[in-house]
């Protein structure tokens, strides 16, 4: 547990340019506070307790605005930036060095039993307001754009955006979570499709005009 907490603190220094010192991290970072509560409640949950861990998670939600079920499995190096409104479900599994922004939901899609929440690999960035729902797998080095709703598996090294989430790019280079998630440069599949339709329409208009001129000349 202590090793994971050390990784969690190091993650803040690696990925947040606003951080100044260790005292600020310990006293003012609600994402770290939520993880601290979770590490303890998860330990109790693993010992077979249920009510006390849930009470601890509810206290953490009240204090931080971040709700993490004590059953969720979270590896070291997680960074929950701001985090208000973030929800992580009971059977969620999160790998190492994952960055989660505010308003993210890692949740289920209904009342199914068993594994019903997502599994995230390593070195993933989940943008603000994104929803990753169901027992799906998100591969290593994936970027999930802000506001996306992901309902299907995502392979490693992919970028997924939109509602529902669509894979719009991939990269061979490893994406480190400390790299900035530049939402302004993420692909927009809807806009790209509209642009293609506009180009096709322009091509049809040009062809129609040429045909009309040909008829008049003849």
N, C-alpha and C. Protein backbone atom coordinates (compact mmCIF):
# COMPACT_ATOMS: atom_id res chain seq x y z
N UNK A 1 0.82 -1.21 0.00
CA UNK A 1 0.00 0.00 0.00
C UNK A 1 0.86 1.27 0.00
N UNK A 2 1.93 1.26 0.82
CA UNK A 2 2.80 2.42 0.90
C UNK A 2 3.51 2.68 -0.42
N UNK A 3 3.89 1.60 -1.10
CA UNK A 3 4.54 1.75 -2.40
C UNK A 3 3.60 2.40 -3.41
N UNK A 4 2.34 1.99 -3.40
CA UNK A 4 1.37 2.59 -4.31
C UNK A 4 1.15 4.06 -3.99
N UNK A 5 1.07 4.39 -2.71
CA UNK A 5 0.88 5.79 -2.33
C UNK A 5 2.08 6.65 -2.74
N UNK A 6 3.27 6.08 -2.66
CA UNK A 6 4.44 6.80 -3.11
C UNK A 6 4.35 7.07 -4.62
N UNK A 7 3.88 6.07 -5.37
CA UNK A 7 3.70 6.25 -6.81
C UNK A 7 2.63 7.30 -7.09
N UNK A 8 1.57 7.30 -6.29
CA UNK A 8 0.49 8.28 -6.49
C UNK A 8 1.00 9.70 -6.29
N UNK A 9 1.82 9.90 -5.29
CA UNK A 9 2.37 11.24 -5.02
C UNK A 9 3.35 11.64 -6.12
N UNK A 10 4.18 10.71 -6.55
CA UNK A 10 5.11 10.99 -7.63
C UNK A 10 4.38 11.35 -8.91
N UNK A 11 3.23 10.72 -9.14
CA UNK A 11 2.44 11.00 -10.34
C UNK A 11 1.98 12.44 -10.38
N UNK A 12 1.63 12.99 -9.22
CA UNK A 12 1.19 14.39 -9.17
C UNK A 12 2.33 15.31 -9.58
N UNK A 13 3.52 15.07 -9.07
CA UNK A 13 4.67 15.90 -9.42
C UNK A 13 5.02 15.75 -10.90
N UNK A 14 4.82 14.56 -11.45
CA UNK A 14 5.17 14.32 -12.85
C UNK A 14 4.19 14.99 -13.81
N UNK A 15 2.90 15.07 -13.42
CA UNK A 15 1.87 15.44 -14.39
C UNK A 15 1.16 16.76 -14.15
N UNK A 16 1.35 17.36 -12.99
CA UNK A 16 0.66 18.62 -12.71
C UNK A 16 1.67 19.77 -12.65
N UNK A 17 1.66 20.66 -13.65
CA UNK A 17 2.61 21.77 -13.64
C UNK A 17 2.34 22.80 -12.56
N UNK A 18 1.16 22.71 -11.92
CA UNK A 18 0.81 23.69 -10.89
C UNK A 18 1.33 23.32 -9.51
N UNK A 19 1.85 22.11 -9.35
CA UNK A 19 2.28 21.67 -8.03
C UNK A 19 3.55 22.41 -7.61
N UNK A 20 3.64 22.74 -6.31
CA UNK A 20 4.78 23.49 -5.80
C UNK A 20 5.65 22.69 -4.84
N UNK A 21 5.01 21.96 -3.91
CA UNK A 21 5.79 21.24 -2.93
C UNK A 21 4.96 20.11 -2.34
N UNK A 22 5.61 19.25 -1.56
CA UNK A 22 4.96 18.07 -1.02
C UNK A 22 3.85 18.43 -0.03
N UNK A 23 4.02 19.54 0.70
CA UNK A 23 3.00 19.93 1.67
C UNK A 23 1.71 20.33 0.96
N UNK A 24 1.84 21.01 -0.16
CA UNK A 24 0.66 21.37 -0.94
C UNK A 24 -0.05 20.12 -1.45
N UNK A 25 0.72 19.15 -1.91
CA UNK A 25 0.14 17.91 -2.42
C UNK A 25 -0.65 17.20 -1.33
N UNK A 26 -0.05 17.08 -0.16
CA UNK A 26 -0.69 16.36 0.94
C UNK A 26 -1.92 17.07 1.45
N UNK A 27 -1.89 18.41 1.49
CA UNK A 27 -2.97 19.17 2.11
C UNK A 27 -4.07 19.59 1.14
N UNK A 28 -3.74 19.77 -0.15
CA UNK A 28 -4.68 20.45 -1.04
C UNK A 28 -5.12 19.66 -2.26
N UNK A 29 -4.68 18.43 -2.41
CA UNK A 29 -5.04 17.67 -3.61
C UNK A 29 -6.13 16.65 -3.29
N UNK A 30 -7.37 16.99 -3.66
CA UNK A 30 -8.50 16.13 -3.33
C UNK A 30 -8.41 14.77 -4.01
N UNK A 31 -7.79 14.72 -5.19
CA UNK A 31 -7.63 13.43 -5.86
C UNK A 31 -6.78 12.48 -5.04
N UNK A 32 -5.71 13.01 -4.45
CA UNK A 32 -4.86 12.18 -3.59
C UNK A 32 -5.61 11.77 -2.33
N UNK A 33 -6.39 12.70 -1.76
CA UNK A 33 -7.17 12.38 -0.56
C UNK A 33 -8.14 11.23 -0.85
N UNK A 34 -8.80 11.28 -2.01
CA UNK A 34 -9.75 10.23 -2.37
C UNK A 34 -9.05 8.88 -2.50
N UNK A 35 -7.84 8.90 -3.08
CA UNK A 35 -7.07 7.66 -3.24
C UNK A 35 -6.60 7.13 -1.89
N UNK A 36 -6.22 8.04 -0.99
CA UNK A 36 -5.82 7.61 0.35
C UNK A 36 -6.97 6.89 1.06
N UNK A 37 -8.15 7.48 1.01
CA UNK A 37 -9.32 6.83 1.58
C UNK A 37 -9.56 5.47 0.91
N UNK A 38 -9.41 5.46 -0.41
CA UNK A 38 -9.70 4.22 -1.14
C UNK A 38 -8.70 3.12 -0.79
N UNK A 39 -7.43 3.45 -0.70
CA UNK A 39 -6.44 2.42 -0.38
C UNK A 39 -6.80 1.73 0.94
N UNK A 40 -7.24 2.51 1.92
CA UNK A 40 -7.60 1.93 3.22
C UNK A 40 -8.90 1.13 3.13
N UNK A 41 -9.92 1.72 2.49
CA UNK A 41 -11.21 1.02 2.39
C UNK A 41 -11.09 -0.25 1.55
N UNK A 42 -10.24 -0.22 0.53
CA UNK A 42 -10.05 -1.41 -0.31
C UNK A 42 -9.38 -2.53 0.48
N UNK A 43 -8.45 -2.14 1.35
CA UNK A 43 -7.80 -3.14 2.20
C UNK A 43 -8.85 -3.83 3.09
N UNK A 44 -9.72 -3.04 3.71
CA UNK A 44 -10.77 -3.62 4.55
C UNK A 44 -11.73 -4.47 3.72
N UNK A 45 -12.02 -4.02 2.51
CA UNK A 45 -12.90 -4.76 1.61
C UNK A 45 -12.31 -6.13 1.28
N UNK A 46 -11.00 -6.17 1.09
CA UNK A 46 -10.33 -7.44 0.79
C UNK A 46 -10.36 -8.39 1.98
N UNK A 47 -10.51 -7.83 3.19
CA UNK A 47 -10.58 -8.67 4.39
C UNK A 47 -11.99 -9.23 4.61
N UNK A 48 -12.91 -8.92 3.72
CA UNK A 48 -14.25 -9.45 3.81
C UNK A 48 -15.27 -8.50 4.41
N UNK A 49 -14.82 -7.33 4.84
CA UNK A 49 -15.76 -6.33 5.38
C UNK A 49 -16.49 -5.64 4.23
N UNK A 50 -17.70 -5.17 4.48
CA UNK A 50 -18.46 -4.51 3.44
C UNK A 50 -19.01 -3.16 3.90
N UNK A 51 -19.66 -3.12 5.05
CA UNK A 51 -20.32 -1.89 5.47
C UNK A 51 -19.32 -0.79 5.80
N UNK A 52 -18.30 -1.10 6.61
CA UNK A 52 -17.33 -0.08 7.00
C UNK A 52 -16.60 0.51 5.79
N UNK A 53 -16.11 -0.31 4.84
CA UNK A 53 -15.48 0.27 3.65
C UNK A 53 -16.42 1.18 2.87
N UNK A 54 -17.71 0.80 2.78
CA UNK A 54 -18.66 1.66 2.07
C UNK A 54 -18.86 2.99 2.79
N UNK A 55 -18.88 2.95 4.11
CA UNK A 55 -19.01 4.20 4.87
C UNK A 55 -17.79 5.10 4.65
N UNK A 56 -16.62 4.47 4.58
CA UNK A 56 -15.39 5.24 4.33
C UNK A 56 -15.44 5.88 2.95
N UNK A 57 -15.92 5.13 1.95
CA UNK A 57 -15.99 5.67 0.59
C UNK A 57 -17.00 6.81 0.51
N UNK A 58 -18.10 6.71 1.28
CA UNK A 58 -19.09 7.78 1.30
C UNK A 58 -18.54 9.03 1.98
N UNK A 59 -17.75 8.84 3.02
CA UNK A 59 -17.10 9.97 3.67
C UNK A 59 -16.13 10.65 2.70
N UNK A 60 -15.39 9.83 1.95
CA UNK A 60 -14.46 10.38 0.96
C UNK A 60 -15.21 11.17 -0.11
N UNK A 61 -16.35 10.66 -0.53
CA UNK A 61 -17.15 11.38 -1.54
C UNK A 61 -17.61 12.72 -0.99
N UNK A 62 -18.04 12.74 0.27
CA UNK A 62 -18.50 13.98 0.90
C UNK A 62 -17.37 15.01 0.97
N UNK A 63 -16.16 14.55 1.28
CA UNK A 63 -15.03 15.46 1.47
C UNK A 63 -14.37 15.88 0.17
N UNK A 64 -14.39 15.01 -0.85
CA UNK A 64 -13.62 15.27 -2.07
C UNK A 64 -14.46 15.42 -3.33
N UNK A 65 -15.71 14.95 -3.31
CA UNK A 65 -16.51 14.97 -4.53
C UNK A 65 -16.18 13.84 -5.48
N UNK A 66 -15.35 12.90 -5.03
CA UNK A 66 -14.92 11.76 -5.84
C UNK A 66 -15.44 10.48 -5.20
N UNK A 67 -16.15 9.67 -5.97
CA UNK A 67 -16.72 8.44 -5.43
C UNK A 67 -16.00 7.23 -6.02
N UNK A 68 -15.34 6.48 -5.15
CA UNK A 68 -14.64 5.26 -5.58
C UNK A 68 -15.15 4.11 -4.73
N UNK A 69 -15.74 3.12 -5.37
CA UNK A 69 -16.21 1.96 -4.62
C UNK A 69 -15.02 1.22 -4.02
N UNK A 70 -15.10 0.77 -2.78
CA UNK A 70 -13.96 0.09 -2.16
C UNK A 70 -13.55 -1.20 -2.86
N UNK A 71 -14.42 -1.76 -3.70
CA UNK A 71 -14.06 -2.97 -4.42
C UNK A 71 -13.19 -2.73 -5.64
N UNK A 72 -13.11 -1.49 -6.11
CA UNK A 72 -12.31 -1.18 -7.30
C UNK A 72 -10.84 -1.47 -7.06
N UNK A 73 -10.16 -2.03 -8.07
CA UNK A 73 -8.74 -2.34 -7.98
C UNK A 73 -7.96 -1.27 -8.74
N UNK A 74 -7.12 -0.54 -8.03
CA UNK A 74 -6.40 0.58 -8.62
C UNK A 74 -4.91 0.41 -8.36
N UNK A 75 -4.13 0.31 -9.42
CA UNK A 75 -2.68 0.17 -9.30
C UNK A 75 -2.06 1.52 -8.95
N UNK A 76 -0.76 1.52 -8.74
CA UNK A 76 -0.06 2.74 -8.34
C UNK A 76 0.10 3.73 -9.48
N UNK A 77 0.35 4.97 -9.12
CA UNK A 77 0.62 6.01 -10.11
C UNK A 77 -0.61 6.65 -10.70
N UNK A 78 -1.77 6.46 -10.09
CA UNK A 78 -2.98 7.11 -10.60
C UNK A 78 -2.96 8.59 -10.22
N UNK A 79 -3.45 9.43 -11.14
CA UNK A 79 -3.56 10.86 -10.87
C UNK A 79 -4.97 11.30 -11.25
N UNK A 80 -5.76 11.66 -10.24
CA UNK A 80 -7.11 12.19 -10.47
C UNK A 80 -7.01 13.70 -10.36
N UNK A 81 -7.04 14.38 -11.50
CA UNK A 81 -6.83 15.82 -11.55
C UNK A 81 -8.16 16.54 -11.28
N UNK A 82 -8.21 17.34 -10.24
CA UNK A 82 -9.43 18.00 -9.76
C UNK A 82 -10.42 16.93 -9.29
N UNK A 83 -11.04 16.21 -10.21
CA UNK A 83 -11.77 15.01 -9.84
C UNK A 83 -13.22 15.18 -9.45
N UNK A 84 -13.71 16.39 -9.24
CA UNK A 84 -15.09 16.57 -8.81
C UNK A 84 -16.05 15.85 -9.75
N UNK A 85 -16.94 15.04 -9.18
CA UNK A 85 -17.91 14.31 -9.97
C UNK A 85 -17.42 13.01 -10.55
N UNK A 86 -16.20 12.63 -10.26
CA UNK A 86 -15.66 11.37 -10.77
C UNK A 86 -16.25 10.18 -10.01
N UNK A 87 -16.63 9.13 -10.75
CA UNK A 87 -17.22 7.93 -10.16
C UNK A 87 -16.48 6.71 -10.71
N UNK A 88 -16.04 5.83 -9.82
CA UNK A 88 -15.35 4.60 -10.20
C UNK A 88 -16.08 3.44 -9.55
N UNK A 89 -16.62 2.53 -10.38
CA UNK A 89 -17.48 1.46 -9.92
C UNK A 89 -16.75 0.30 -9.26
N UNK A 90 -17.54 -0.59 -8.69
CA UNK A 90 -17.04 -1.67 -7.83
C UNK A 90 -16.07 -2.61 -8.52
N UNK A 91 -16.36 -3.06 -9.72
CA UNK A 91 -15.51 -4.06 -10.38
C UNK A 91 -14.54 -3.44 -11.38
N UNK A 92 -14.33 -2.14 -11.26
CA UNK A 92 -13.36 -1.47 -12.11
C UNK A 92 -11.95 -1.92 -11.76
N UNK A 93 -11.13 -2.09 -12.80
CA UNK A 93 -9.71 -2.39 -12.62
C UNK A 93 -8.92 -1.33 -13.38
N UNK A 94 -7.99 -0.68 -12.70
CA UNK A 94 -7.20 0.40 -13.30
C UNK A 94 -5.73 0.05 -13.18
N UNK A 95 -5.02 0.11 -14.30
CA UNK A 95 -3.60 -0.21 -14.33
C UNK A 95 -2.74 0.94 -13.82
N UNK A 96 -1.46 0.85 -14.09
CA UNK A 96 -0.50 1.82 -13.57
C UNK A 96 -0.47 3.09 -14.42
N UNK A 97 -0.17 4.19 -13.75
CA UNK A 97 0.09 5.48 -14.39
C UNK A 97 -1.08 5.95 -15.25
N UNK A 98 -2.28 5.93 -14.67
CA UNK A 98 -3.48 6.38 -15.35
C UNK A 98 -3.85 7.78 -14.86
N UNK A 99 -4.24 8.64 -15.80
CA UNK A 99 -4.66 10.00 -15.46
C UNK A 99 -6.14 10.15 -15.75
N UNK A 100 -6.89 10.63 -14.75
CA UNK A 100 -8.34 10.80 -14.88
C UNK A 100 -8.68 12.25 -14.53
N UNK A 101 -9.42 12.90 -15.43
CA UNK A 101 -9.82 14.28 -15.19
C UNK A 101 -11.23 14.32 -14.56
N UNK A 102 -11.70 15.52 -14.25
CA UNK A 102 -12.94 15.67 -13.51
C UNK A 102 -14.15 15.17 -14.31
N UNK A 103 -15.16 14.70 -13.58
CA UNK A 103 -16.41 14.31 -14.20
C UNK A 103 -16.39 12.98 -14.93
N UNK A 104 -15.35 12.20 -14.76
CA UNK A 104 -15.24 10.91 -15.44
C UNK A 104 -16.07 9.85 -14.70
N UNK A 105 -16.73 8.99 -15.47
CA UNK A 105 -17.45 7.85 -14.89
C UNK A 105 -16.89 6.56 -15.47
N UNK A 106 -16.43 5.68 -14.59
CA UNK A 106 -16.05 4.33 -14.97
C UNK A 106 -17.13 3.44 -14.37
N UNK A 107 -18.20 3.21 -15.12
CA UNK A 107 -19.39 2.62 -14.54
C UNK A 107 -19.93 1.43 -15.30
N UNK A 108 -21.10 0.97 -14.85
CA UNK A 108 -21.78 -0.15 -15.48
C UNK A 108 -22.88 0.34 -16.41
N UNK A 109 -23.57 -0.61 -17.03
CA UNK A 109 -24.63 -0.26 -17.97
C UNK A 109 -25.99 -0.79 -17.53
N UNK A 110 -26.08 -1.43 -16.38
CA UNK A 110 -27.35 -1.97 -15.93
C UNK A 110 -27.20 -2.70 -14.61
N UNK A 111 -28.02 -3.72 -14.41
CA UNK A 111 -28.02 -4.47 -13.16
C UNK A 111 -27.39 -5.84 -13.32
N UNK A 112 -26.52 -5.98 -14.32
CA UNK A 112 -25.86 -7.27 -14.52
C UNK A 112 -24.98 -7.62 -13.32
N UNK A 113 -24.74 -8.90 -13.14
CA UNK A 113 -23.93 -9.38 -12.03
C UNK A 113 -22.50 -9.64 -12.50
N UNK A 114 -21.61 -9.84 -11.53
CA UNK A 114 -20.22 -10.16 -11.87
C UNK A 114 -19.46 -8.94 -12.34
N UNK A 115 -18.52 -9.15 -13.23
CA UNK A 115 -17.69 -8.06 -13.76
C UNK A 115 -18.54 -7.18 -14.66
N UNK A 116 -18.81 -5.97 -14.21
CA UNK A 116 -19.72 -5.08 -14.94
C UNK A 116 -19.16 -3.69 -15.16
N UNK A 117 -17.91 -3.48 -14.76
CA UNK A 117 -17.27 -2.19 -14.95
C UNK A 117 -15.99 -2.36 -15.78
N UNK A 118 -15.47 -1.28 -16.32
CA UNK A 118 -14.35 -1.39 -17.27
C UNK A 118 -13.02 -1.79 -16.62
N UNK A 119 -12.14 -2.29 -17.48
CA UNK A 119 -10.76 -2.59 -17.11
C UNK A 119 -9.86 -1.69 -17.94
N UNK A 120 -9.07 -0.86 -17.28
CA UNK A 120 -8.15 0.06 -17.95
C UNK A 120 -6.73 -0.45 -17.82
N UNK A 121 -5.99 -0.39 -18.90
CA UNK A 121 -4.60 -0.81 -18.89
C UNK A 121 -3.70 0.26 -18.28
N UNK A 122 -2.45 0.28 -18.71
CA UNK A 122 -1.46 1.21 -18.18
C UNK A 122 -1.33 2.45 -19.06
N UNK A 123 -0.89 3.55 -18.46
CA UNK A 123 -0.55 4.78 -19.19
C UNK A 123 -1.71 5.29 -20.03
N UNK A 124 -2.87 5.41 -19.41
CA UNK A 124 -4.08 5.86 -20.09
C UNK A 124 -4.45 7.26 -19.60
N UNK A 125 -5.01 8.07 -20.50
CA UNK A 125 -5.53 9.39 -20.14
C UNK A 125 -7.01 9.41 -20.47
N UNK A 126 -7.85 9.72 -19.47
CA UNK A 126 -9.29 9.80 -19.67
C UNK A 126 -9.70 11.26 -19.47
N UNK A 127 -10.16 11.90 -20.55
CA UNK A 127 -10.47 13.32 -20.53
C UNK A 127 -11.69 13.67 -19.71
N UNK A 128 -11.82 14.96 -19.41
CA UNK A 128 -12.89 15.46 -18.55
C UNK A 128 -14.27 15.08 -19.09
N UNK A 129 -15.13 14.57 -18.19
CA UNK A 129 -16.50 14.26 -18.55
C UNK A 129 -16.69 12.99 -19.34
N UNK A 130 -15.63 12.24 -19.60
CA UNK A 130 -15.77 11.00 -20.37
C UNK A 130 -16.47 9.92 -19.56
N UNK A 131 -17.20 9.06 -20.24
CA UNK A 131 -17.90 7.94 -19.61
C UNK A 131 -17.41 6.64 -20.27
N UNK A 132 -16.86 5.76 -19.46
CA UNK A 132 -16.41 4.45 -19.94
C UNK A 132 -17.29 3.44 -19.22
N UNK A 133 -18.16 2.76 -19.97
CA UNK A 133 -19.23 1.99 -19.34
C UNK A 133 -19.23 0.54 -19.76
N UNK A 134 -19.49 -0.33 -18.79
CA UNK A 134 -19.62 -1.75 -19.07
C UNK A 134 -18.33 -2.51 -18.83
N UNK A 135 -18.43 -3.83 -18.95
CA UNK A 135 -17.27 -4.69 -18.74
C UNK A 135 -16.44 -4.74 -20.02
N UNK A 136 -15.80 -3.62 -20.33
CA UNK A 136 -14.98 -3.51 -21.53
C UNK A 136 -13.53 -3.31 -21.14
N UNK A 137 -12.66 -3.48 -22.12
CA UNK A 137 -11.23 -3.35 -21.87
C UNK A 137 -10.65 -2.20 -22.68
N UNK A 138 -9.90 -1.36 -22.00
CA UNK A 138 -9.21 -0.24 -22.63
C UNK A 138 -7.71 -0.56 -22.61
N UNK A 139 -7.11 -0.68 -23.77
CA UNK A 139 -5.72 -1.10 -23.86
C UNK A 139 -4.73 -0.07 -23.34
N UNK A 140 -3.48 -0.46 -23.28
CA UNK A 140 -2.43 0.44 -22.81
C UNK A 140 -2.26 1.63 -23.75
N UNK A 141 -1.83 2.75 -23.17
CA UNK A 141 -1.47 3.95 -23.95
C UNK A 141 -2.62 4.48 -24.78
N UNK A 142 -3.82 4.47 -24.22
CA UNK A 142 -5.01 4.98 -24.91
C UNK A 142 -5.34 6.38 -24.41
N UNK A 143 -5.83 7.23 -25.32
CA UNK A 143 -6.37 8.53 -24.97
C UNK A 143 -7.87 8.51 -25.20
N UNK A 144 -8.63 8.90 -24.18
CA UNK A 144 -10.08 9.03 -24.30
C UNK A 144 -10.40 10.52 -24.25
N UNK A 145 -10.96 11.05 -25.33
CA UNK A 145 -11.24 12.48 -25.41
C UNK A 145 -12.30 12.94 -24.45
N UNK A 146 -12.28 14.21 -24.12
CA UNK A 146 -13.26 14.79 -23.19
C UNK A 146 -14.67 14.61 -23.71
N UNK A 147 -15.58 14.21 -22.81
CA UNK A 147 -16.98 14.07 -23.16
C UNK A 147 -17.34 12.83 -23.94
N UNK A 148 -16.39 11.95 -24.19
CA UNK A 148 -16.67 10.74 -24.96
C UNK A 148 -17.45 9.74 -24.13
N UNK A 149 -18.20 8.89 -24.82
CA UNK A 149 -18.92 7.78 -24.17
C UNK A 149 -18.43 6.49 -24.83
N UNK A 150 -17.65 5.73 -24.09
CA UNK A 150 -17.01 4.53 -24.62
C UNK A 150 -17.77 3.30 -24.14
N UNK A 151 -18.26 2.49 -25.09
CA UNK A 151 -19.08 1.34 -24.77
C UNK A 151 -18.50 0.03 -25.29
N UNK A 152 -17.39 0.10 -26.03
CA UNK A 152 -16.78 -1.09 -26.59
C UNK A 152 -15.28 -1.09 -26.30
N UNK A 153 -14.66 -2.26 -26.44
CA UNK A 153 -13.22 -2.39 -26.20
C UNK A 153 -12.44 -1.42 -27.09
N UNK A 154 -11.33 -0.94 -26.54
CA UNK A 154 -10.44 -0.05 -27.29
C UNK A 154 -9.05 -0.67 -27.30
N UNK A 155 -8.45 -0.89 -28.47
CA UNK A 155 -7.11 -1.50 -28.52
C UNK A 155 -6.04 -0.53 -28.03
N UNK A 156 -4.88 -1.08 -27.76
CA UNK A 156 -3.75 -0.28 -27.28
C UNK A 156 -3.37 0.79 -28.30
N UNK A 157 -2.82 1.89 -27.78
CA UNK A 157 -2.26 2.97 -28.59
C UNK A 157 -3.29 3.71 -29.43
N UNK A 158 -4.56 3.66 -29.04
CA UNK A 158 -5.61 4.30 -29.83
C UNK A 158 -6.07 5.60 -29.18
N UNK A 159 -6.69 6.45 -29.99
CA UNK A 159 -7.37 7.64 -29.50
C UNK A 159 -8.84 7.49 -29.82
N UNK A 160 -9.70 7.65 -28.81
CA UNK A 160 -11.14 7.46 -29.01
C UNK A 160 -11.87 8.72 -28.59
N UNK A 161 -12.81 9.17 -29.42
CA UNK A 161 -13.59 10.38 -29.12
C UNK A 161 -15.02 10.16 -29.57
N UNK A 162 -15.93 11.00 -29.07
CA UNK A 162 -17.29 11.04 -29.58
C UNK A 162 -18.28 10.25 -28.77
N UNK A 163 -19.56 10.35 -29.21
CA UNK A 163 -20.68 9.64 -28.60
C UNK A 163 -21.44 8.92 -29.70
N UNK A 164 -21.42 7.61 -29.74
CA UNK A 164 -20.57 6.74 -28.91
C UNK A 164 -19.10 6.87 -29.34
N UNK A 165 -18.22 6.42 -28.48
CA UNK A 165 -16.80 6.57 -28.74
C UNK A 165 -16.35 5.84 -30.00
N UNK A 166 -15.55 6.53 -30.82
CA UNK A 166 -15.02 5.95 -32.03
C UNK A 166 -13.51 6.12 -32.06
N UNK A 167 -12.83 5.12 -32.55
CA UNK A 167 -11.38 5.19 -32.67
C UNK A 167 -11.05 6.07 -33.87
N UNK A 168 -10.32 7.14 -33.63
CA UNK A 168 -10.02 8.10 -34.69
C UNK A 168 -8.54 8.22 -34.98
N UNK A 169 -7.74 7.46 -34.28
CA UNK A 169 -6.31 7.52 -34.53
C UNK A 169 -5.57 6.54 -33.65
N UNK A 170 -4.34 6.29 -34.02
CA UNK A 170 -3.48 5.42 -33.23
C UNK A 170 -2.06 5.88 -33.43
N UNK A 171 -1.19 5.44 -32.55
CA UNK A 171 0.21 5.83 -32.64
C UNK A 171 1.07 4.66 -32.22
N UNK A 172 2.25 4.60 -32.80
CA UNK A 172 3.19 3.54 -32.44
C UNK A 172 4.02 3.93 -31.25
N UNK A 173 4.19 5.25 -31.05
CA UNK A 173 4.99 5.70 -29.91
C UNK A 173 4.17 5.59 -28.63
N UNK A 174 4.83 5.30 -27.53
CA UNK A 174 4.16 5.19 -26.24
C UNK A 174 3.71 6.57 -25.78
N UNK A 175 2.47 6.66 -25.30
CA UNK A 175 1.93 7.91 -24.77
C UNK A 175 2.09 7.90 -23.26
N UNK A 176 2.89 8.79 -22.75
CA UNK A 176 3.08 8.87 -21.31
C UNK A 176 2.03 9.79 -20.71
N UNK A 177 1.47 9.44 -19.55
CA UNK A 177 0.38 10.22 -18.98
C UNK A 177 0.77 11.64 -18.62
N UNK A 178 2.05 11.90 -18.44
CA UNK A 178 2.44 13.27 -18.14
C UNK A 178 2.37 14.18 -19.35
N UNK A 179 2.25 13.57 -20.56
CA UNK A 179 2.07 14.37 -21.75
C UNK A 179 0.70 15.03 -21.71
N UNK A 180 0.63 16.25 -22.19
CA UNK A 180 -0.63 16.99 -22.16
C UNK A 180 -1.66 16.35 -23.08
N UNK A 181 -2.90 16.22 -22.59
CA UNK A 181 -4.00 15.77 -23.43
C UNK A 181 -4.58 17.00 -24.11
N UNK A 182 -4.14 17.25 -25.33
CA UNK A 182 -4.54 18.46 -26.05
C UNK A 182 -5.87 18.21 -26.74
N UNK A 183 -6.96 18.53 -26.05
CA UNK A 183 -8.28 18.26 -26.60
C UNK A 183 -8.52 19.05 -27.89
N UNK A 184 -7.86 20.19 -28.03
CA UNK A 184 -8.10 21.01 -29.21
C UNK A 184 -7.52 20.41 -30.49
N UNK A 185 -6.66 19.42 -30.37
CA UNK A 185 -6.08 18.80 -31.57
C UNK A 185 -6.56 17.37 -31.77
N UNK A 186 -7.48 16.90 -30.93
CA UNK A 186 -8.03 15.57 -31.14
C UNK A 186 -8.93 15.58 -32.37
N UNK A 187 -8.93 14.51 -33.14
CA UNK A 187 -9.79 14.45 -34.33
C UNK A 187 -11.26 14.55 -33.97
N UNK A 188 -12.05 15.12 -34.89
CA UNK A 188 -13.50 15.22 -34.73
C UNK A 188 -14.15 14.47 -35.88
N UNK A 189 -14.59 13.22 -35.68
CA UNK A 189 -15.11 12.42 -36.79
C UNK A 189 -16.37 13.00 -37.41
N UNK A 190 -17.23 13.65 -36.62
CA UNK A 190 -18.45 14.25 -37.18
C UNK A 190 -18.09 15.39 -38.11
N UNK A 191 -17.20 16.25 -37.66
CA UNK A 191 -16.78 17.38 -38.49
C UNK A 191 -16.11 16.89 -39.76
N UNK A 192 -15.28 15.86 -39.65
CA UNK A 192 -14.60 15.33 -40.82
C UNK A 192 -15.59 14.76 -41.82
N UNK A 193 -16.64 14.10 -41.34
CA UNK A 193 -17.65 13.54 -42.25
C UNK A 193 -18.43 14.64 -42.94
N UNK A 194 -18.76 15.70 -42.22
CA UNK A 194 -19.46 16.83 -42.83
C UNK A 194 -18.60 17.47 -43.91
N UNK A 195 -17.30 17.61 -43.63
CA UNK A 195 -16.41 18.19 -44.62
C UNK A 195 -16.33 17.32 -45.87
N UNK A 196 -16.31 15.99 -45.69
CA UNK A 196 -16.29 15.10 -46.86
C UNK A 196 -17.57 15.25 -47.68
N UNK A 197 -18.74 15.36 -47.00
CA UNK A 197 -20.00 15.54 -47.70
C UNK A 197 -20.02 16.86 -48.47
N UNK A 198 -19.47 17.91 -47.86
CA UNK A 198 -19.41 19.20 -48.54
C UNK A 198 -18.55 19.12 -49.80
N UNK A 199 -17.42 18.40 -49.71
CA UNK A 199 -16.56 18.25 -50.88
C UNK A 199 -17.27 17.46 -51.99
N UNK A 200 -18.00 16.41 -51.60
CA UNK A 200 -18.74 15.62 -52.59
C UNK A 200 -19.84 16.45 -53.24
N UNK A 201 -20.53 17.26 -52.42
CA UNK A 201 -21.59 18.12 -52.95
C UNK A 201 -21.03 19.14 -53.93
N UNK A 202 -19.89 19.72 -53.59
CA UNK A 202 -19.25 20.68 -54.48
C UNK A 202 -18.84 20.02 -55.80
N UNK A 203 -18.35 18.79 -55.72
CA UNK A 203 -17.96 18.06 -56.91
C UNK A 203 -19.17 17.79 -57.80
N UNK A 204 -20.30 17.42 -57.18
CA UNK A 204 -21.53 17.16 -57.94
C UNK A 204 -22.03 18.43 -58.61
N UNK A 205 -21.98 19.56 -57.89
CA UNK A 205 -22.41 20.83 -58.46
C UNK A 205 -21.55 21.22 -59.66
N UNK A 206 -20.25 21.03 -59.55
CA UNK A 206 -19.35 21.36 -60.65
C UNK A 206 -19.65 20.49 -61.87
N UNK A 207 -19.91 19.20 -61.64
CA UNK A 207 -20.20 18.30 -62.73
C UNK A 207 -21.52 18.65 -63.39
N UNK A 208 -22.52 19.02 -62.56
CA UNK A 208 -23.82 19.42 -63.12
C UNK A 208 -23.69 20.68 -63.96
N UNK A 209 -22.87 21.63 -63.48
CA UNK A 209 -22.67 22.86 -64.24
C UNK A 209 -21.97 22.59 -65.57
N UNK A 210 -20.98 21.71 -65.56
CA UNK A 210 -20.28 21.35 -66.79
C UNK A 210 -21.22 20.67 -67.78
N UNK A 211 -22.10 19.78 -67.27
CA UNK A 211 -23.06 19.11 -68.14
C UNK A 211 -24.03 20.08 -68.76
N UNK A 212 -24.48 21.08 -67.97
CA UNK A 212 -25.41 22.09 -68.47
C UNK A 212 -24.76 22.93 -69.56
N UNK A 213 -23.48 23.32 -69.34
CA UNK A 213 -22.77 24.10 -70.34
C UNK A 213 -22.57 23.30 -71.62
N UNK A 214 -22.29 22.00 -71.47
CA UNK A 214 -22.09 21.14 -72.64
C UNK A 214 -23.38 21.05 -73.47
N UNK A 215 -24.52 20.92 -72.78
CA UNK A 215 -25.80 20.85 -73.49
C UNK A 215 -26.08 22.13 -74.26
N UNK A 216 -25.79 23.28 -73.62
CA UNK A 216 -26.07 24.56 -74.28
C UNK A 216 -25.19 24.77 -75.51
N UNK A 217 -23.92 24.35 -75.39
CA UNK A 217 -23.01 24.50 -76.52
C UNK A 217 -23.44 23.61 -77.69
N UNK A 218 -23.85 22.41 -77.38
CA UNK A 218 -24.26 21.47 -78.42
C UNK A 218 -25.63 21.83 -78.99
